[in-house]
Amino acid sequence: MISILSRLFRLRLALLNGVAALGGYLLFPAKAELATLCALFIGVSFLAAAGSALNQVLERSSDALMRRTRNRPIPAGELSVAAAGGIGLACLAAGVLVLVAVAGTLPALLGAAALLWYLAVYTPLKRRTPFALALGALCGAAPPVIGWCVAGGSPADFRVVLLAGVLYLWQVPHFWLLQRRHADDYRRAGFALFTPAGNGGDLAPVCRLWLAAMVAGALMLPAFGIIGEYRAAWCVAFCAPLFICALKRREPALFACLNLFPVLVTLALCVGR
C-alpha cells in the first residue's frame, strides 16, 4: 500500500513543494519556530499530494496510454477512481486544516486556490496549447508564498515575489526537458507539445534564454539582500553547473541540476539566516 500511495501522491514532487514552502518561511526576517516549520511542510505536502491524486483521477485515460504513467495506481488497476478521489479529497482537507490551524485562513486559501488552478485551468489546457505550462507554473510558485504568509508576511512583498518568480522560471525548462525525454508518450496521449527549433539535439535558443532568466533571477536574491551578500557564492555555486551543462549539451546532467535547484535555493535561505 505504501508503494501505491507513493505513486498516487508522486511523493518526491509533493515533498519538494513542502521544501519550497519552507524556503518562503525561512525568507521572512523573524525567528523560525520548529513546530510551525513542521506543520507548514506537512500542510503543503498534503495539498501537493491531493493535487497529484486528483490529477490522476482526471487524467486516468491519458495515463493509461503513456509508458511513464501507465503504472500509476488507477490505470494499473490498483485503486478505483472513487478510492483515489476519496484519498485526494482527504489529503486536501488535511492540508487545509493544518494550514488554518497553524496560521489562519490566508495560507490555506492560497494553497486551495493554487490547487484549483492546477486542476481546473492547467490540466485541461495541456491538451489545447503547448503554452499551458506558462499558466500551470503559477501553481508551483505558490508554496514559498504560502510559507511567507505562515511566517506573517504579506503575499505582495517584493522579497517573496522574487523568490516565487525564480521558482516559476525554474519549472518551465524543467518541464521542457522532461517533455523531450517522453515526447512520444505525450503525443500518444494527445498532449500539445512545445517543440521550438534547435540545432539537432541541442537545446533550442528559447530554452537557453529561459535558463539564463532563471539564473539571473537566482543571482538577484543576494543582489537585493534576500540572501546575505556573503552567501552570494552559494548562488554562483548552484547556477554555474546549469550554464556549463547547457553549453556542453549535457542534457541528463542539466536535468539533474534542475531537479536539485529548489532544494539548493532553500538551503541557501536557511544557511543565510
Protein backbone atom coordinates (compact mmCIF):
# COMPACT_ATOMS: atom_id res chain seq x y z
CA MET A 1 0.00 0.00 0.00
CA ILE A 2 2.91 2.36 0.70
CA SER A 3 4.14 1.94 -2.88
CA ILE A 4 0.65 2.60 -4.24
CA LEU A 5 0.24 5.80 -2.23
CA SER A 6 3.75 6.95 -3.12
CA ARG A 7 2.89 6.72 -6.82
CA LEU A 8 -0.54 8.27 -6.32
CA PHE A 9 0.95 11.24 -4.45
CA ARG A 10 4.12 11.45 -6.60
CA LEU A 11 5.78 11.62 -3.23
CA ARG A 12 9.06 13.26 -4.24
CA LEU A 13 7.22 16.07 -6.01
CA ALA A 14 4.85 16.53 -3.07
CA LEU A 15 7.77 16.76 -0.65
CA LEU A 16 9.57 19.18 -2.98
CA ASN A 17 6.57 21.50 -2.71
CA GLY A 18 6.87 21.27 1.06
CA VAL A 19 10.56 22.20 0.83
CA ALA A 20 9.73 25.20 -1.37
CA ALA A 21 7.23 26.37 1.25
CA LEU A 22 9.96 26.16 3.89
CA GLY A 23 12.06 28.47 1.70
CA GLY A 24 9.35 31.13 1.84
CA TYR A 25 9.03 30.74 5.60
CA LEU A 26 12.78 30.98 6.19
CA LEU A 27 12.97 34.05 3.98
CA PHE A 28 10.85 36.05 6.46
CA PRO A 29 13.07 38.06 8.85
CA ALA A 30 11.85 36.55 12.11
CA LYS A 31 12.77 33.69 14.40
CA ALA A 32 11.80 30.32 12.90
CA GLU A 33 9.65 28.07 15.06
CA LEU A 34 10.32 24.35 14.60
CA ALA A 35 6.70 23.34 15.25
CA THR A 36 5.45 25.85 12.67
CA LEU A 37 8.07 24.69 10.15
CA CYS A 38 6.94 21.08 10.54
CA ALA A 39 3.25 21.97 10.26
CA LEU A 40 3.90 24.08 7.16
CA PHE A 41 5.86 21.28 5.49
CA ILE A 42 3.14 18.73 6.29
CA GLY A 43 0.28 21.00 5.22
CA VAL A 44 1.77 21.99 1.85
CA SER A 45 2.93 18.43 1.16
CA PHE A 46 -0.64 17.22 1.81
CA LEU A 47 -2.01 19.78 -0.64
CA ALA A 48 0.53 18.76 -3.30
CA ALA A 49 -0.32 15.09 -2.72
CA ALA A 50 -4.00 15.94 -3.12
CA GLY A 51 -3.26 17.70 -6.40
CA SER A 52 -1.40 14.65 -7.71
CA ALA A 53 -4.15 12.21 -6.71
CA LEU A 54 -6.98 14.32 -8.13
CA ASN A 55 -5.00 15.00 -11.30
CA GLN A 56 -4.57 11.26 -11.80
CA VAL A 57 -8.32 10.85 -11.45
CA LEU A 58 -8.88 13.47 -14.17
CA GLU A 59 -6.16 12.14 -16.49
CA ARG A 60 -6.61 8.40 -15.95
CA SER A 61 -7.34 7.76 -19.64
CA SER A 62 -4.21 9.63 -20.75
CA ASP A 63 -2.10 7.94 -18.08
CA ALA A 64 -3.10 4.54 -19.45
CA LEU A 65 -1.70 5.48 -22.87
CA MET A 66 1.72 6.66 -21.68
CA ARG A 67 4.60 4.35 -20.76
CA ARG A 68 5.83 6.63 -17.99
CA THR A 69 2.40 6.81 -16.31
CA ARG A 70 0.62 3.55 -17.11
CA ASN A 71 1.87 2.01 -13.86
CA ARG A 72 0.17 4.64 -11.76
CA PRO A 73 -2.41 3.14 -9.37
CA ILE A 74 -5.58 3.86 -11.38
CA PRO A 75 -4.52 2.62 -14.85
CA ALA A 76 -2.70 -0.30 -13.20
CA GLY A 77 -5.95 -1.33 -11.53
CA GLU A 78 -4.57 -0.99 -8.01
CA LEU A 79 -7.02 1.74 -6.99
CA SER A 80 -10.51 2.57 -8.20
CA VAL A 81 -11.36 6.08 -9.36
CA ALA A 82 -13.57 6.55 -6.29
CA ALA A 83 -10.83 5.42 -3.91
CA ALA A 84 -8.19 7.67 -5.50
CA GLY A 85 -10.60 10.60 -5.49
CA GLY A 86 -11.50 9.99 -1.86
CA ILE A 87 -7.85 9.84 -0.83
CA GLY A 88 -7.15 13.04 -2.76
CA LEU A 89 -10.03 14.90 -1.09
CA ALA A 90 -8.92 13.63 2.32
CA CYS A 91 -5.41 14.98 1.70
CA LEU A 92 -6.89 18.29 0.55
CA ALA A 93 -8.93 18.59 3.74
CA ALA A 94 -5.94 17.62 5.89
CA GLY A 95 -3.66 20.17 4.21
CA VAL A 96 -6.18 22.99 4.54
CA LEU A 97 -6.89 22.16 8.19
CA VAL A 98 -3.20 22.04 9.11
CA LEU A 99 -2.53 25.43 7.49
CA VAL A 100 -5.61 27.01 9.10
CA ALA A 101 -4.56 25.65 12.50
CA VAL A 102 -1.01 26.95 12.25
CA ALA A 103 -1.53 30.32 10.53
CA GLY A 104 -5.17 31.16 9.83
CA THR A 105 -7.14 31.30 6.61
CA LEU A 106 -4.87 33.20 4.17
CA PRO A 107 -2.21 30.48 3.65
CA ALA A 108 -4.94 27.83 3.39
CA LEU A 109 -6.85 29.88 0.82
CA LEU A 110 -3.67 30.41 -1.22
CA GLY A 111 -3.00 26.67 -1.20
CA ALA A 112 -6.56 25.76 -2.14
CA ALA A 113 -6.56 28.39 -4.93
CA ALA A 114 -3.30 27.03 -6.36
CA LEU A 115 -4.73 23.50 -6.31
CA LEU A 116 -7.94 24.63 -8.02
CA TRP A 117 -5.91 26.47 -10.68
CA TYR A 118 -3.84 23.35 -11.30
CA LEU A 119 -6.85 21.07 -11.71
CA ALA A 120 -9.38 23.37 -13.39
CA VAL A 121 -7.14 25.54 -15.59
CA TYR A 122 -3.77 23.91 -16.27
CA THR A 123 -4.90 20.29 -16.56
CA PRO A 124 -7.47 20.83 -19.36
CA LEU A 125 -5.27 23.38 -21.15
CA LYS A 126 -2.44 20.84 -21.59
CA ARG A 127 -4.40 19.25 -24.43
CA ARG A 128 -5.19 22.52 -26.15
CA THR A 129 -2.00 24.55 -26.19
CA PRO A 130 1.73 23.90 -25.76
CA PHE A 131 1.92 27.11 -23.74
CA ALA A 132 -0.26 25.79 -20.90
CA LEU A 133 2.82 25.50 -18.71
CA ALA A 134 3.15 29.28 -18.60
CA LEU A 135 -0.11 29.29 -16.63
CA GLY A 136 0.41 26.00 -14.80
CA ALA A 137 3.77 27.12 -13.41
CA LEU A 138 1.92 29.65 -11.26
CA CYS A 139 0.84 26.74 -9.04
CA GLY A 140 4.43 25.67 -8.46
CA ALA A 141 5.35 29.24 -7.49
CA ALA A 142 2.71 29.30 -4.74
CA PRO A 143 4.44 27.23 -1.97
CA PRO A 144 7.05 29.88 -1.00
CA VAL A 145 4.29 32.49 -0.87
CA ILE A 146 2.30 30.21 1.45
CA GLY A 147 5.36 29.76 3.67
CA TRP A 148 5.99 33.50 3.75
CA CYS A 149 2.37 34.16 4.80
CA VAL A 150 2.60 31.48 7.51
CA ALA A 151 5.59 33.39 8.91
CA GLY A 152 3.49 36.57 8.99
CA GLY A 153 4.44 38.30 5.72
CA SER A 154 2.30 39.88 3.01
CA PRO A 155 1.98 37.94 -0.27
CA ALA A 156 2.68 41.18 -2.15
CA ASP A 157 6.11 41.74 -0.55
CA PHE A 158 8.80 42.04 -3.25
CA ARG A 159 11.10 39.57 -1.48
CA VAL A 160 8.75 36.62 -1.69
CA VAL A 161 7.55 37.69 -5.13
CA LEU A 162 11.15 37.48 -6.36
CA LEU A 163 11.65 34.05 -4.79
CA ALA A 164 8.37 32.80 -6.26
CA GLY A 165 9.40 34.23 -9.63
CA VAL A 166 12.65 32.25 -9.56
CA LEU A 167 10.70 29.03 -8.93
CA TYR A 168 8.26 29.98 -11.69
CA LEU A 169 11.14 30.36 -14.13
CA TRP A 170 12.65 27.06 -12.93
CA GLN A 171 9.59 24.99 -13.77
CA VAL A 172 9.49 25.79 -17.47
CA PRO A 173 12.91 24.43 -18.61
CA HIS A 174 12.50 21.56 -16.14
CA PHE A 175 9.26 20.51 -17.83
CA TRP A 176 10.62 21.10 -21.33
CA LEU A 177 13.45 18.66 -20.68
CA LEU A 178 11.02 16.14 -19.24
CA GLN A 179 8.82 16.57 -22.29
CA ARG A 180 11.77 15.99 -24.64
CA ARG A 181 12.54 12.71 -22.86
CA HIS A 182 8.98 11.44 -23.23
CA ALA A 183 7.81 13.21 -26.38
CA ASP A 184 6.34 10.08 -27.98
CA ASP A 185 4.37 9.36 -24.82
CA TYR A 186 2.92 12.86 -24.73
CA ARG A 187 1.95 12.71 -28.41
CA ARG A 188 0.33 9.31 -27.92
CA ALA A 189 -1.81 10.72 -25.13
CA GLY A 190 -2.82 13.76 -27.17
CA PHE A 191 -0.95 16.49 -25.29
CA ALA A 192 0.17 19.61 -27.14
CA LEU A 193 3.97 19.73 -27.21
CA PHE A 194 6.23 22.76 -27.26
CA THR A 195 8.88 21.98 -29.87
CA PRO A 196 10.95 25.10 -30.67
CA ALA A 197 13.54 24.83 -33.39
CA GLY A 198 17.00 23.85 -32.23
CA ASN A 199 20.32 22.72 -33.67
CA GLY A 200 19.86 18.96 -33.94
CA GLY A 201 19.51 17.52 -30.45
CA ASP A 202 20.71 20.74 -28.83
CA LEU A 203 18.55 22.93 -26.62
CA ALA A 204 16.57 25.50 -28.56
CA PRO A 205 17.64 29.15 -28.12
CA VAL A 206 14.40 29.95 -26.30
CA CYS A 207 15.20 27.21 -23.75
CA ARG A 208 18.68 28.63 -23.21
CA LEU A 209 17.17 32.09 -22.82
CA TRP A 210 14.73 30.81 -20.20
CA LEU A 211 17.57 29.14 -18.30
CA ALA A 212 19.51 32.41 -18.40
CA ALA A 213 16.49 34.27 -16.99
CA MET A 214 16.20 31.70 -14.19
CA VAL A 215 19.88 32.05 -13.29
CA ALA A 216 19.61 35.86 -13.42
CA GLY A 217 16.64 35.69 -11.07
CA ALA A 218 18.56 33.48 -8.64
CA LEU A 219 21.51 35.89 -8.66
CA MET A 220 19.12 38.73 -7.80
CA LEU A 221 18.46 37.08 -4.42
CA PRO A 222 21.81 38.27 -2.97
CA ALA A 223 21.74 41.44 -5.09
CA PHE A 224 18.55 42.57 -3.33
CA GLY A 225 19.69 41.41 0.09
CA ILE A 226 17.30 38.45 0.20
CA ILE A 227 20.29 36.21 0.71
CA GLY A 228 23.19 37.87 2.55
CA GLU A 229 25.89 39.18 0.24
CA TYR A 230 28.45 36.87 1.82
CA ARG A 231 26.20 33.99 0.67
CA ALA A 232 26.31 35.08 -2.97
CA ALA A 233 28.84 32.30 -3.57
CA TRP A 234 26.02 29.84 -2.87
CA CYS A 235 24.05 31.21 -5.81
CA VAL A 236 27.06 31.10 -8.10
CA ALA A 237 27.84 27.55 -6.95
CA PHE A 238 24.47 26.14 -7.94
CA CYS A 239 23.92 28.35 -11.02
CA ALA A 240 27.29 27.72 -12.69
CA PRO A 241 26.63 23.98 -13.34
CA LEU A 242 23.42 24.88 -15.17
CA PHE A 243 25.32 27.08 -17.63
CA ILE A 244 28.10 24.55 -18.06
CA CYS A 245 25.71 21.65 -18.71
CA ALA A 246 23.69 23.72 -21.18
CA LEU A 247 26.79 24.84 -23.08
CA LYS A 248 28.28 21.33 -23.12
CA ARG A 249 24.96 19.81 -24.24
CA ARG A 250 24.91 17.51 -21.22
CA GLU A 251 21.14 17.20 -21.05
CA PRO A 252 20.96 14.41 -18.40
CA ALA A 253 23.28 16.39 -16.12
CA LEU A 254 21.32 19.57 -16.77
CA PHE A 255 18.07 17.80 -15.84
CA ALA A 256 19.66 16.51 -12.63
CA CYS A 257 20.87 20.02 -11.72
CA LEU A 258 17.40 21.42 -12.33
CA ASN A 259 15.90 18.75 -10.07
CA LEU A 260 18.16 19.92 -7.23
CA PHE A 261 17.71 23.63 -7.83
CA PRO A 262 14.74 24.33 -5.46
CA VAL A 263 16.38 22.36 -2.65
CA LEU A 264 19.64 24.29 -3.05
CA VAL A 265 17.82 27.64 -3.04
CA THR A 266 16.05 26.64 0.19
CA LEU A 267 19.37 25.60 1.75
CA ALA A 268 20.87 28.96 0.81
CA LEU A 269 17.98 30.72 2.55
CA CYS A 270 18.38 28.50 5.62
CA VAL A 271 22.13 28.92 5.95
CA GLY A 272 21.90 32.63 5.19
CA ARG A 273 19.62 33.33 8.18
